[in-house]
Amino acid sequence: MAQSLEQIMDGAEGLLAVLPNVRVKAVVGPDLPVSGQASVALVMTPAIDSYRQTMGRGKYELDLEVLMLTSADVDRVGQRKLAAFASQTGVASVRAAVEADKTLGGTCDESWVASFRPLGIEEVGVIGYFGGLFTIHLATSGV
């Protein structure tokens, strides 16, 4: 049975919630608890370029983006925390957490972390936090 986008996003959030000192949030704003040891992960709603191609019958693929915020400033502490999240292995590795259950909690057939990029200075200025963007690619059953 096909899972809803909300269920897939919830599955990804569940895997990210095991990372040390990470709060999985549903909102970005001035009240985010990004301070001290705490970081925030936000699973973004995926883009759907074409419903007919993306969510047709059979299998379809999506990219989930995860916004990881590590500090209110571009600083050494935030950089090192972001590096730990971007690492292939380790207790803070987003890749290791997501790929520990490639079904995202049973919501898809397969998933993997496809890419990571740190936020640029302009992006940090707009949202007020330093961090990076992970892309989780997944394949799941259509309707």
N, C-alpha and C. Protein backbone atom coordinates (compact mmCIF):
# COMPACT_ATOMS: atom_id res chain seq x y z
N MET A 1 0.84 -1.18 0.00
CA MET A 1 0.00 0.00 0.00
C MET A 1 0.88 1.24 0.00
N ALA A 2 0.52 2.21 -0.79
CA ALA A 2 1.28 3.45 -0.88
C ALA A 2 1.17 4.25 0.42
N GLN A 3 2.28 4.81 0.83
CA GLN A 3 2.31 5.64 2.04
C GLN A 3 2.11 7.10 1.64
N SER A 4 1.55 7.88 2.53
CA SER A 4 1.39 9.31 2.27
C SER A 4 2.72 10.02 2.47
N LEU A 5 2.83 11.22 1.94
CA LEU A 5 4.05 12.01 2.14
C LEU A 5 4.28 12.27 3.62
N GLU A 6 3.20 12.51 4.35
CA GLU A 6 3.34 12.75 5.80
C GLU A 6 3.93 11.54 6.50
N GLN A 7 3.49 10.34 6.12
CA GLN A 7 4.02 9.13 6.75
C GLN A 7 5.50 8.94 6.42
N ILE A 8 5.88 9.23 5.18
CA ILE A 8 7.29 9.11 4.79
C ILE A 8 8.13 10.12 5.57
N MET A 9 7.64 11.36 5.68
CA MET A 9 8.37 12.38 6.44
C MET A 9 8.49 11.98 7.91
N ASP A 10 7.42 11.44 8.48
CA ASP A 10 7.45 10.98 9.87
C ASP A 10 8.47 9.87 10.06
N GLY A 11 8.56 8.96 9.08
CA GLY A 11 9.54 7.89 9.16
C GLY A 11 10.97 8.42 9.19
N ALA A 12 11.25 9.42 8.35
CA ALA A 12 12.58 10.04 8.34
C ALA A 12 12.85 10.75 9.67
N GLU A 13 11.85 11.46 10.18
CA GLU A 13 12.02 12.16 11.46
C GLU A 13 12.33 11.19 12.59
N GLY A 14 11.68 10.03 12.58
CA GLY A 14 11.92 9.04 13.62
C GLY A 14 13.37 8.57 13.64
N LEU A 15 13.97 8.41 12.46
CA LEU A 15 15.37 7.98 12.39
C LEU A 15 16.31 9.09 12.83
N LEU A 16 15.98 10.33 12.51
CA LEU A 16 16.84 11.47 12.89
C LEU A 16 16.75 11.77 14.38
N ALA A 17 15.65 11.41 14.99
CA ALA A 17 15.45 11.70 16.41
C ALA A 17 16.42 10.94 17.31
N VAL A 18 17.09 9.92 16.79
CA VAL A 18 18.04 9.16 17.60
C VAL A 18 19.42 9.82 17.67
N LEU A 19 19.65 10.83 16.84
CA LEU A 19 20.94 11.51 16.85
C LEU A 19 21.11 12.27 18.17
N PRO A 20 22.32 12.27 18.74
CA PRO A 20 22.52 12.94 20.02
C PRO A 20 22.35 14.46 19.92
N ASN A 21 21.63 15.01 20.86
CA ASN A 21 21.43 16.46 20.97
C ASN A 21 20.79 17.07 19.74
N VAL A 22 19.88 16.32 19.09
CA VAL A 22 19.15 16.84 17.92
C VAL A 22 17.68 16.87 18.25
N ARG A 23 17.07 18.00 18.01
CA ARG A 23 15.62 18.13 18.15
C ARG A 23 15.03 18.12 16.75
N VAL A 24 14.06 17.23 16.52
CA VAL A 24 13.40 17.16 15.23
C VAL A 24 12.18 18.08 15.32
N LYS A 25 12.17 19.10 14.49
CA LYS A 25 11.13 20.12 14.57
C LYS A 25 10.33 20.21 13.29
N ALA A 26 9.16 20.78 13.38
CA ALA A 26 8.29 20.97 12.23
C ALA A 26 8.21 22.43 11.80
N VAL A 27 9.03 23.28 12.38
CA VAL A 27 8.94 24.71 12.06
C VAL A 27 10.32 25.34 12.15
N VAL A 28 10.57 26.30 11.29
CA VAL A 28 11.79 27.11 11.38
C VAL A 28 11.36 28.51 11.75
N GLY A 29 11.97 29.06 12.75
CA GLY A 29 11.61 30.41 13.17
C GLY A 29 12.57 30.90 14.23
N PRO A 30 12.30 32.06 14.76
CA PRO A 30 13.22 32.67 15.72
C PRO A 30 13.31 31.95 17.05
N ASP A 31 12.38 31.05 17.33
CA ASP A 31 12.36 30.37 18.63
C ASP A 31 12.96 28.98 18.61
N LEU A 32 13.67 28.63 17.54
CA LEU A 32 14.29 27.30 17.49
C LEU A 32 15.35 27.17 18.57
N PRO A 33 15.40 26.02 19.22
CA PRO A 33 16.38 25.82 20.28
C PRO A 33 17.75 25.39 19.74
N VAL A 34 18.33 26.21 18.87
CA VAL A 34 19.65 25.93 18.32
C VAL A 34 20.65 26.70 19.16
N SER A 35 21.14 26.05 20.21
CA SER A 35 22.09 26.72 21.09
C SER A 35 22.83 25.67 21.90
N GLY A 36 23.96 26.05 22.43
CA GLY A 36 24.73 25.12 23.24
C GLY A 36 25.01 23.85 22.48
N GLN A 37 24.61 22.71 23.03
CA GLN A 37 24.82 21.42 22.37
C GLN A 37 23.68 21.04 21.43
N ALA A 38 22.56 21.75 21.48
CA ALA A 38 21.37 21.35 20.73
C ALA A 38 21.43 21.80 19.28
N SER A 39 21.04 20.91 18.39
CA SER A 39 20.87 21.20 16.98
C SER A 39 19.44 20.84 16.60
N VAL A 40 19.01 21.28 15.42
CA VAL A 40 17.65 21.04 14.97
C VAL A 40 17.68 20.40 13.60
N ALA A 41 16.84 19.39 13.39
CA ALA A 41 16.64 18.77 12.08
C ALA A 41 15.20 19.02 11.64
N LEU A 42 15.04 19.42 10.41
CA LEU A 42 13.72 19.69 9.85
C LEU A 42 13.59 18.94 8.54
N VAL A 43 12.66 17.98 8.46
CA VAL A 43 12.40 17.25 7.22
C VAL A 43 11.43 18.10 6.40
N MET A 44 11.89 18.51 5.22
CA MET A 44 11.11 19.40 4.37
C MET A 44 10.15 18.60 3.48
N THR A 45 9.03 19.19 3.13
CA THR A 45 8.09 18.56 2.20
C THR A 45 8.77 18.41 0.84
N PRO A 46 8.71 17.21 0.25
CA PRO A 46 9.43 17.00 -1.02
C PRO A 46 8.75 17.71 -2.19
N ALA A 47 9.58 18.09 -3.15
CA ALA A 47 9.07 18.66 -4.40
C ALA A 47 8.55 17.52 -5.28
N ILE A 48 7.48 17.78 -6.00
CA ILE A 48 6.93 16.82 -6.95
C ILE A 48 6.88 17.52 -8.31
N ASP A 49 7.82 17.16 -9.17
CA ASP A 49 7.92 17.82 -10.47
C ASP A 49 6.76 17.46 -11.39
N SER A 50 6.30 16.22 -11.33
CA SER A 50 5.21 15.76 -12.18
C SER A 50 4.48 14.63 -11.47
N TYR A 51 3.23 14.86 -11.11
CA TYR A 51 2.48 13.81 -10.43
C TYR A 51 2.38 12.55 -11.29
N ARG A 52 2.19 12.71 -12.57
CA ARG A 52 2.05 11.53 -13.44
C ARG A 52 3.33 10.71 -13.49
N GLN A 53 4.48 11.38 -13.53
CA GLN A 53 5.73 10.65 -13.57
C GLN A 53 6.17 10.20 -12.18
N THR A 54 5.99 11.07 -11.20
CA THR A 54 6.49 10.77 -9.86
C THR A 54 5.62 9.77 -9.12
N MET A 55 4.32 9.96 -9.14
CA MET A 55 3.44 9.16 -8.29
C MET A 55 2.48 8.30 -9.10
N GLY A 56 2.91 7.86 -10.26
CA GLY A 56 2.08 6.97 -11.06
C GLY A 56 2.01 5.59 -10.45
N ARG A 57 1.44 4.68 -11.19
CA ARG A 57 1.33 3.30 -10.71
C ARG A 57 2.71 2.67 -10.62
N GLY A 58 2.85 1.66 -9.79
CA GLY A 58 4.14 1.01 -9.62
C GLY A 58 5.03 1.77 -8.66
N LYS A 59 6.31 1.72 -8.90
CA LYS A 59 7.30 2.39 -8.04
C LYS A 59 7.47 3.85 -8.45
N TYR A 60 7.77 4.69 -7.47
CA TYR A 60 8.17 6.06 -7.79
C TYR A 60 9.28 6.48 -6.85
N GLU A 61 9.98 7.54 -7.21
CA GLU A 61 11.11 8.03 -6.44
C GLU A 61 10.90 9.48 -6.04
N LEU A 62 11.40 9.81 -4.86
CA LEU A 62 11.31 11.17 -4.32
C LEU A 62 12.63 11.55 -3.67
N ASP A 63 12.85 12.83 -3.53
CA ASP A 63 13.96 13.34 -2.74
C ASP A 63 13.40 14.12 -1.56
N LEU A 64 13.76 13.69 -0.35
CA LEU A 64 13.43 14.43 0.87
C LEU A 64 14.65 15.28 1.23
N GLU A 65 14.42 16.52 1.54
CA GLU A 65 15.52 17.35 2.02
C GLU A 65 15.39 17.52 3.52
N VAL A 66 16.52 17.39 4.19
CA VAL A 66 16.57 17.56 5.64
C VAL A 66 17.46 18.76 5.93
N LEU A 67 16.89 19.77 6.53
CA LEU A 67 17.63 20.97 6.93
C LEU A 67 18.16 20.73 8.34
N MET A 68 19.47 20.74 8.49
CA MET A 68 20.10 20.53 9.79
C MET A 68 20.72 21.85 10.22
N LEU A 69 20.28 22.40 11.33
CA LEU A 69 20.77 23.68 11.84
C LEU A 69 21.61 23.42 13.08
N THR A 70 22.83 23.98 13.11
CA THR A 70 23.75 23.66 14.21
C THR A 70 24.08 24.84 15.11
N SER A 71 23.98 26.06 14.61
CA SER A 71 24.28 27.20 15.49
C SER A 71 23.69 28.47 14.90
N ALA A 72 23.62 29.49 15.73
CA ALA A 72 23.10 30.77 15.28
C ALA A 72 24.15 31.58 14.53
N ASP A 73 25.39 31.15 14.56
CA ASP A 73 26.48 31.84 13.89
C ASP A 73 27.31 30.84 13.08
N VAL A 74 28.00 31.34 12.08
CA VAL A 74 28.98 30.52 11.39
C VAL A 74 30.23 30.54 12.25
N ASP A 75 30.43 29.48 13.03
CA ASP A 75 31.56 29.44 13.94
C ASP A 75 32.18 28.04 13.92
N ARG A 76 33.28 27.90 14.62
CA ARG A 76 34.01 26.63 14.63
C ARG A 76 33.16 25.52 15.24
N VAL A 77 32.46 25.80 16.32
CA VAL A 77 31.63 24.79 16.98
C VAL A 77 30.54 24.30 16.03
N GLY A 78 29.86 25.22 15.38
CA GLY A 78 28.83 24.85 14.43
C GLY A 78 29.39 24.06 13.25
N GLN A 79 30.57 24.46 12.79
CA GLN A 79 31.21 23.75 11.67
C GLN A 79 31.53 22.31 12.06
N ARG A 80 32.08 22.12 13.26
CA ARG A 80 32.45 20.77 13.70
C ARG A 80 31.21 19.90 13.93
N LYS A 81 30.15 20.48 14.48
CA LYS A 81 28.92 19.73 14.66
C LYS A 81 28.35 19.32 13.31
N LEU A 82 28.39 20.24 12.34
CA LEU A 82 27.89 19.94 11.01
C LEU A 82 28.75 18.86 10.34
N ALA A 83 30.05 18.90 10.55
CA ALA A 83 30.95 17.88 10.01
C ALA A 83 30.61 16.50 10.59
N ALA A 84 30.28 16.45 11.88
CA ALA A 84 29.90 15.17 12.49
C ALA A 84 28.61 14.64 11.87
N PHE A 85 27.65 15.52 11.62
CA PHE A 85 26.41 15.10 10.97
C PHE A 85 26.66 14.61 9.55
N ALA A 86 27.61 15.23 8.85
CA ALA A 86 27.90 14.90 7.46
C ALA A 86 28.83 13.70 7.31
N SER A 87 29.44 13.25 8.39
CA SER A 87 30.37 12.13 8.33
C SER A 87 29.67 10.85 7.90
N GLN A 88 30.43 9.95 7.29
CA GLN A 88 29.90 8.65 6.87
C GLN A 88 29.47 7.80 8.05
N THR A 89 30.24 7.89 9.14
CA THR A 89 29.99 7.03 10.29
C THR A 89 30.02 7.87 11.57
N GLY A 90 29.66 7.26 12.66
CA GLY A 90 29.69 7.92 13.96
C GLY A 90 28.29 8.08 14.52
N VAL A 91 28.21 8.36 15.82
CA VAL A 91 26.91 8.45 16.48
C VAL A 91 26.08 9.63 16.00
N ALA A 92 26.72 10.66 15.43
CA ALA A 92 25.99 11.83 14.96
C ALA A 92 25.76 11.81 13.44
N SER A 93 26.19 10.76 12.75
CA SER A 93 26.09 10.69 11.30
C SER A 93 24.64 10.57 10.82
N VAL A 94 24.20 11.54 10.03
CA VAL A 94 22.87 11.48 9.44
C VAL A 94 22.79 10.29 8.49
N ARG A 95 23.84 10.08 7.69
CA ARG A 95 23.85 8.96 6.75
C ARG A 95 23.69 7.63 7.48
N ALA A 96 24.44 7.45 8.56
CA ALA A 96 24.37 6.20 9.31
C ALA A 96 22.98 6.02 9.94
N ALA A 97 22.39 7.08 10.46
CA ALA A 97 21.06 6.98 11.09
C ALA A 97 19.99 6.63 10.07
N VAL A 98 20.00 7.31 8.93
CA VAL A 98 18.99 7.06 7.91
C VAL A 98 19.16 5.67 7.31
N GLU A 99 20.40 5.30 7.02
CA GLU A 99 20.62 4.03 6.33
C GLU A 99 20.62 2.83 7.29
N ALA A 100 20.46 3.08 8.59
CA ALA A 100 20.29 1.98 9.54
C ALA A 100 18.94 1.30 9.31
N ASP A 101 17.97 2.04 8.79
CA ASP A 101 16.66 1.50 8.41
C ASP A 101 16.30 2.10 7.07
N LYS A 102 16.71 1.44 6.01
CA LYS A 102 16.54 1.98 4.65
C LYS A 102 15.08 2.08 4.23
N THR A 103 14.16 1.57 5.06
CA THR A 103 12.74 1.69 4.73
C THR A 103 12.10 2.90 5.42
N LEU A 104 12.91 3.72 6.07
CA LEU A 104 12.40 4.89 6.82
C LEU A 104 11.23 4.49 7.73
N GLY A 105 11.48 3.50 8.54
CA GLY A 105 10.44 3.06 9.48
C GLY A 105 9.30 2.33 8.80
N GLY A 106 9.59 1.68 7.67
CA GLY A 106 8.57 0.92 6.95
C GLY A 106 7.71 1.75 6.01
N THR A 107 8.10 2.99 5.73
CA THR A 107 7.28 3.87 4.89
C THR A 107 7.69 3.88 3.42
N CYS A 108 8.82 3.25 3.09
CA CYS A 108 9.24 3.18 1.70
C CYS A 108 9.98 1.88 1.47
N ASP A 109 10.27 1.58 0.21
CA ASP A 109 10.96 0.34 -0.11
C ASP A 109 12.46 0.44 0.12
N GLU A 110 13.02 1.60 -0.18
CA GLU A 110 14.46 1.79 -0.04
C GLU A 110 14.77 3.28 0.01
N SER A 111 15.81 3.62 0.77
CA SER A 111 16.25 5.02 0.82
C SER A 111 17.74 5.07 1.09
N TRP A 112 18.35 6.18 0.77
CA TRP A 112 19.75 6.42 1.08
C TRP A 112 20.00 7.92 1.06
N VAL A 113 21.02 8.34 1.77
CA VAL A 113 21.40 9.75 1.75
C VAL A 113 22.21 9.97 0.48
N ALA A 114 21.67 10.79 -0.41
CA ALA A 114 22.28 11.01 -1.72
C ALA A 114 23.33 12.11 -1.70
N SER A 115 23.08 13.16 -0.89
CA SER A 115 24.02 14.28 -0.91
C SER A 115 23.90 15.13 0.36
N PHE A 116 24.88 15.98 0.51
CA PHE A 116 24.93 16.96 1.60
C PHE A 116 25.62 18.21 1.08
N ARG A 117 25.12 19.36 1.49
CA ARG A 117 25.83 20.61 1.22
C ARG A 117 25.63 21.57 2.37
N PRO A 118 26.71 22.25 2.78
CA PRO A 118 26.55 23.27 3.83
C PRO A 118 25.80 24.46 3.27
N LEU A 119 25.08 25.14 4.13
CA LEU A 119 24.38 26.35 3.70
C LEU A 119 25.38 27.45 3.39
N GLY A 120 25.08 28.23 2.37
CA GLY A 120 25.92 29.36 2.04
C GLY A 120 25.67 30.52 3.00
N ILE A 121 26.59 31.46 3.02
CA ILE A 121 26.49 32.62 3.92
C ILE A 121 25.19 33.39 3.69
N GLU A 122 24.80 33.55 2.44
CA GLU A 122 23.55 34.28 2.16
C GLU A 122 22.35 33.55 2.74
N GLU A 123 22.33 32.21 2.61
CA GLU A 123 21.22 31.45 3.17
C GLU A 123 21.18 31.57 4.68
N VAL A 124 22.34 31.53 5.32
CA VAL A 124 22.41 31.67 6.77
C VAL A 124 21.85 33.03 7.18
N GLY A 125 22.19 34.06 6.42
CA GLY A 125 21.70 35.40 6.72
C GLY A 125 20.18 35.49 6.66
N VAL A 126 19.59 34.76 5.73
CA VAL A 126 18.14 34.81 5.56
C VAL A 126 17.42 34.07 6.68
N ILE A 127 17.92 32.86 7.04
CA ILE A 127 17.20 32.09 8.06
C ILE A 127 17.74 32.29 9.47
N GLY A 128 18.92 32.87 9.59
CA GLY A 128 19.45 33.19 10.91
C GLY A 128 20.19 32.07 11.61
N TYR A 129 20.45 30.95 10.90
CA TYR A 129 21.14 29.82 11.50
C TYR A 129 22.13 29.23 10.52
N PHE A 130 23.19 28.62 11.04
CA PHE A 130 24.17 27.91 10.23
C PHE A 130 23.82 26.44 10.21
N GLY A 131 24.05 25.79 9.10
CA GLY A 131 23.77 24.37 9.01
C GLY A 131 24.00 23.84 7.62
N GLY A 132 23.28 22.79 7.27
CA GLY A 132 23.45 22.17 5.97
C GLY A 132 22.17 21.47 5.53
N LEU A 133 22.20 21.02 4.29
CA LEU A 133 21.04 20.40 3.68
C LEU A 133 21.42 19.00 3.18
N PHE A 134 20.73 18.00 3.71
CA PHE A 134 20.91 16.62 3.29
C PHE A 134 19.78 16.25 2.34
N THR A 135 20.07 15.44 1.35
CA THR A 135 19.04 14.92 0.45
C THR A 135 18.96 13.42 0.64
N ILE A 136 17.77 12.96 1.00
CA ILE A 136 17.49 11.53 1.12
C ILE A 136 16.69 11.12 -0.11
N HIS A 137 17.25 10.23 -0.90
CA HIS A 137 16.55 9.72 -2.08
C HIS A 137 15.83 8.45 -1.68
N LEU A 138 14.59 8.29 -2.13
CA LEU A 138 13.84 7.09 -1.75
C LEU A 138 13.02 6.56 -2.91
N ALA A 139 12.73 5.29 -2.84
CA ALA A 139 11.86 4.62 -3.79
C ALA A 139 10.76 3.95 -2.98
N THR A 140 9.53 4.06 -3.49
CA THR A 140 8.41 3.48 -2.77
C THR A 140 7.33 3.06 -3.76
N SER A 141 6.31 2.41 -3.27
CA SER A 141 5.22 1.91 -4.11
C SER A 141 4.20 3.00 -4.38
N GLY A 142 3.71 3.05 -5.60
CA GLY A 142 2.67 3.99 -5.97
C GLY A 142 1.29 3.41 -5.71
N VAL A 143 0.29 4.07 -6.22
CA VAL A 143 -1.09 3.61 -6.01
C VAL A 143 -1.54 2.69 -7.14
